[in-house]
């Protein structure tokens, strides 16, 4: 029984670490997107292609940045 609980604890820890990594990756990606959009050196279409993010999401992000 103790082995089962230990295994479940380890699985929970691993999932927590993976979730943290995903959140950190998304945070970094958002920072890169902001920097690229603000630089105006690249088109929104290019940014959409590089990050594999739909154009409507990139356009919405650009609108939000222009308002702030």
Protein backbone atom coordinates (compact mmCIF):
# COMPACT_ATOMS: atom_id res chain seq x y z
CA UNK A 1 0.00 0.00 0.00
CA UNK A 2 2.80 2.43 0.89
CA UNK A 3 4.47 1.72 -2.45
CA UNK A 4 1.29 2.68 -4.27
CA UNK A 5 1.02 5.99 -2.41
CA UNK A 6 4.70 6.69 -3.05
CA UNK A 7 4.22 6.04 -6.76
CA UNK A 8 1.17 8.34 -6.86
CA UNK A 9 3.14 11.06 -5.05
CA UNK A 10 5.97 10.82 -7.58
CA UNK A 11 3.51 11.00 -10.47
CA UNK A 12 1.91 14.08 -8.92
CA UNK A 13 5.30 15.75 -8.47
CA UNK A 14 6.26 14.99 -12.07
CA UNK A 15 2.98 16.44 -13.38
CA UNK A 16 3.49 19.56 -11.26
CA UNK A 17 6.98 20.04 -12.67
CA UNK A 18 5.74 19.55 -16.24
CA UNK A 19 2.92 22.06 -15.67
CA UNK A 20 5.43 24.57 -14.29
CA UNK A 21 7.65 24.11 -17.32
CA UNK A 22 4.71 24.63 -19.67
CA UNK A 23 3.66 27.80 -17.85
CA UNK A 24 7.24 29.11 -17.97
CA UNK A 25 7.48 28.33 -21.69
CA UNK A 26 4.20 30.16 -22.34
CA UNK A 27 5.38 33.14 -20.32
CA UNK A 28 8.62 33.35 -22.33
CA UNK A 29 6.73 32.95 -25.58
CA UNK A 30 4.44 35.84 -24.63
CA UNK A 31 7.46 38.04 -23.87
CA UNK A 32 9.01 37.17 -27.25
CA UNK A 33 5.74 37.91 -29.01
CA UNK A 34 5.45 41.30 -27.32
CA UNK A 35 9.02 42.20 -28.24
CA UNK A 36 8.61 41.14 -31.87
CA UNK A 37 5.28 42.92 -32.29
CA UNK A 38 6.57 46.12 -30.70
CA UNK A 39 9.76 46.10 -32.81
CA UNK A 40 7.69 46.33 -36.01
CA UNK A 41 10.63 44.74 -37.86
CA UNK A 42 8.54 41.73 -38.85
CA UNK A 43 5.04 41.33 -40.18
CA UNK A 44 2.37 39.80 -38.03
CA UNK A 45 2.11 37.03 -40.60
CA UNK A 46 5.80 36.18 -40.19
CA UNK A 47 5.43 36.09 -36.41
CA UNK A 48 2.36 33.89 -36.73
CA UNK A 49 4.27 31.44 -38.90
CA UNK A 50 7.38 31.32 -36.70
CA UNK A 51 5.45 30.67 -33.50
CA UNK A 52 2.79 28.51 -35.17
CA UNK A 53 0.07 30.67 -33.62
CA UNK A 54 -3.09 31.53 -35.57
CA UNK A 55 -3.07 34.95 -37.21
CA UNK A 56 -6.20 36.06 -35.33
CA UNK A 57 -4.42 35.47 -32.00
CA UNK A 58 -1.38 37.47 -33.14
CA UNK A 59 -3.62 40.28 -34.43
CA UNK A 60 -5.50 40.43 -31.14
CA UNK A 61 -2.23 40.57 -29.20
CA UNK A 62 -1.03 43.42 -31.43
CA UNK A 63 -4.24 45.34 -30.78
CA UNK A 64 -3.83 44.86 -27.02
CA UNK A 65 -0.26 46.14 -27.16
CA UNK A 66 -1.23 49.24 -29.11
CA UNK A 67 -3.83 50.12 -26.45
CA UNK A 68 -1.35 49.90 -23.56
